[in-house]
Protein backbone atom coordinates (compact mmCIF):
# COMPACT_ATOMS: atom_id res chain seq x y z
CA PHE A 1 107.81 93.19 111.63
CA SER A 2 107.20 94.82 115.00
CA TYR A 3 107.70 98.11 116.81
CA ARG A 4 107.98 98.25 120.58
CA GLY A 5 106.77 94.67 120.74
CA GLN A 6 103.62 95.33 118.66
CA PRO A 7 103.21 93.81 115.20
CA LEU A 8 103.26 96.25 112.31
CA PRO A 9 100.74 95.89 109.50
CA TYR A 10 102.25 95.32 106.08
CA MET A 11 101.23 94.13 102.63
CA PRO A 12 102.44 90.53 102.38
CA PHE A 13 104.07 89.29 99.19
CA SER A 14 101.83 87.00 97.20
CA TYR A 15 104.78 84.68 96.58
CA LYS A 16 106.54 82.48 99.14
CA HIS A 17 109.97 80.90 99.01
CA PRO A 18 111.07 79.46 96.57
CA GLU A 19 108.32 80.68 94.21
CA TYR A 20 109.48 84.26 94.90
CA TRP A 21 112.86 83.54 93.30
CA HIS A 22 111.28 81.76 90.33
CA VAL A 23 109.24 84.88 89.55
CA ILE A 24 112.37 87.06 89.75
CA GLU A 25 114.21 84.60 87.51
CA LYS A 26 111.40 84.69 84.90
CA GLU A 27 111.22 88.49 85.03
CA THR A 28 115.00 88.71 84.64
CA LYS A 29 114.83 86.54 81.52
CA ARG A 30 111.77 88.37 80.17
CA THR A 31 113.12 91.90 80.68
CA GLY A 32 116.88 91.31 80.56
CA ASP A 33 117.14 93.16 83.88
CA MET A 34 118.47 91.29 86.95
CA ILE A 35 116.79 93.62 89.46
CA ASN A 36 113.34 93.76 87.88
CA SER A 37 110.97 92.87 90.72
CA LYS A 38 108.05 95.19 89.95
CA LYS A 39 105.84 92.17 89.19
CA LEU A 40 106.23 90.97 92.80
CA PHE A 41 104.75 94.20 94.16
CA ASP A 42 102.04 94.49 91.49
CA ASP A 43 100.92 90.88 91.96
CA SER A 44 101.00 91.20 95.75
CA GLU A 45 98.85 94.33 95.71
CA GLN A 46 96.39 92.68 93.32
CA VAL A 47 95.97 89.72 95.69
CA HIS A 48 96.03 91.85 98.87
CA PRO A 49 95.00 95.49 98.26
CA ILE A 50 96.76 97.86 100.67
CA THR A 51 94.59 98.69 103.69
CA GLU A 52 94.53 101.92 105.68
CA ASP A 53 96.43 100.21 108.50
CA GLU A 54 99.21 99.29 106.07
CA THR A 55 99.47 102.80 104.66
CA ILE A 56 102.28 105.09 105.84
CA LYS A 57 100.69 108.11 107.49
CA VAL A 58 102.66 110.72 105.55
CA GLU A 59 100.44 113.48 106.89
CA ASN A 60 102.07 112.89 110.29
CA ILE A 61 105.51 113.74 108.94
CA HIS A 62 105.97 117.33 110.11
CA GLY A 63 108.57 118.35 107.60
CA ILE A 64 109.22 118.76 103.92
CA LEU A 65 108.59 115.68 101.81
CA LEU A 66 110.84 115.26 98.80
CA LEU A 67 109.30 112.68 96.48
CA ILE A 68 111.64 111.40 93.78
CA GLY A 69 110.81 108.58 91.43
CA ALA A 70 110.76 107.41 87.84
CA LYS A 71 107.94 106.11 85.71
CA ASP A 72 110.25 103.43 84.33
CA ASP A 73 111.38 102.15 87.76
CA VAL A 74 111.79 98.36 87.56
CA LEU A 75 111.86 97.64 91.32
CA TRP A 76 108.34 98.89 92.11
CA ASP A 77 105.81 101.31 90.65
CA THR A 78 107.37 104.45 92.12
CA ALA A 79 105.20 106.87 90.13
CA LYS A 80 101.98 105.16 91.34
CA TYR A 81 103.13 105.32 94.97
CA ILE A 82 104.15 108.98 94.67
CA ASP A 83 100.73 109.78 93.20
CA ARG A 84 99.12 108.04 96.21
CA ILE A 85 101.23 110.08 98.63
CA LYS A 86 100.32 113.35 96.88
CA LYS A 87 96.62 112.42 96.92
CA ARG A 88 96.80 111.51 100.62
CA ILE A 89 98.44 114.84 101.50
CA LYS A 90 95.68 116.71 99.61
CA GLU A 91 92.99 114.73 101.45
CA ARG A 92 94.65 114.98 104.89
CA PRO A 93 96.40 118.28 105.65
CA HIS A 94 100.15 118.07 106.05
CA LYS A 95 101.57 120.69 108.43
CA LEU A 96 105.18 121.73 108.72
CA LYS A 97 106.62 122.43 112.16
């Protein structure tokens, strides 16, 4: 990924092709849910913890943030990520324009 010709930092998936699809297939069988990919994100973060460079600087969003998620989200751990955003906003002031 890049922006204006500069690479963007991101958390890489711990799985590569075709292993990625094998994990999704196993999770689909295990959970009975075709879109369950939460394990991919959890495993990737365990192998490569998110760095400050990879973190979205939500404090720079000069507007209202509406955070909607569910604790039982099967795509990724929405509730954990929302908690991180709320913590970051408390630690770094968020100003509305």
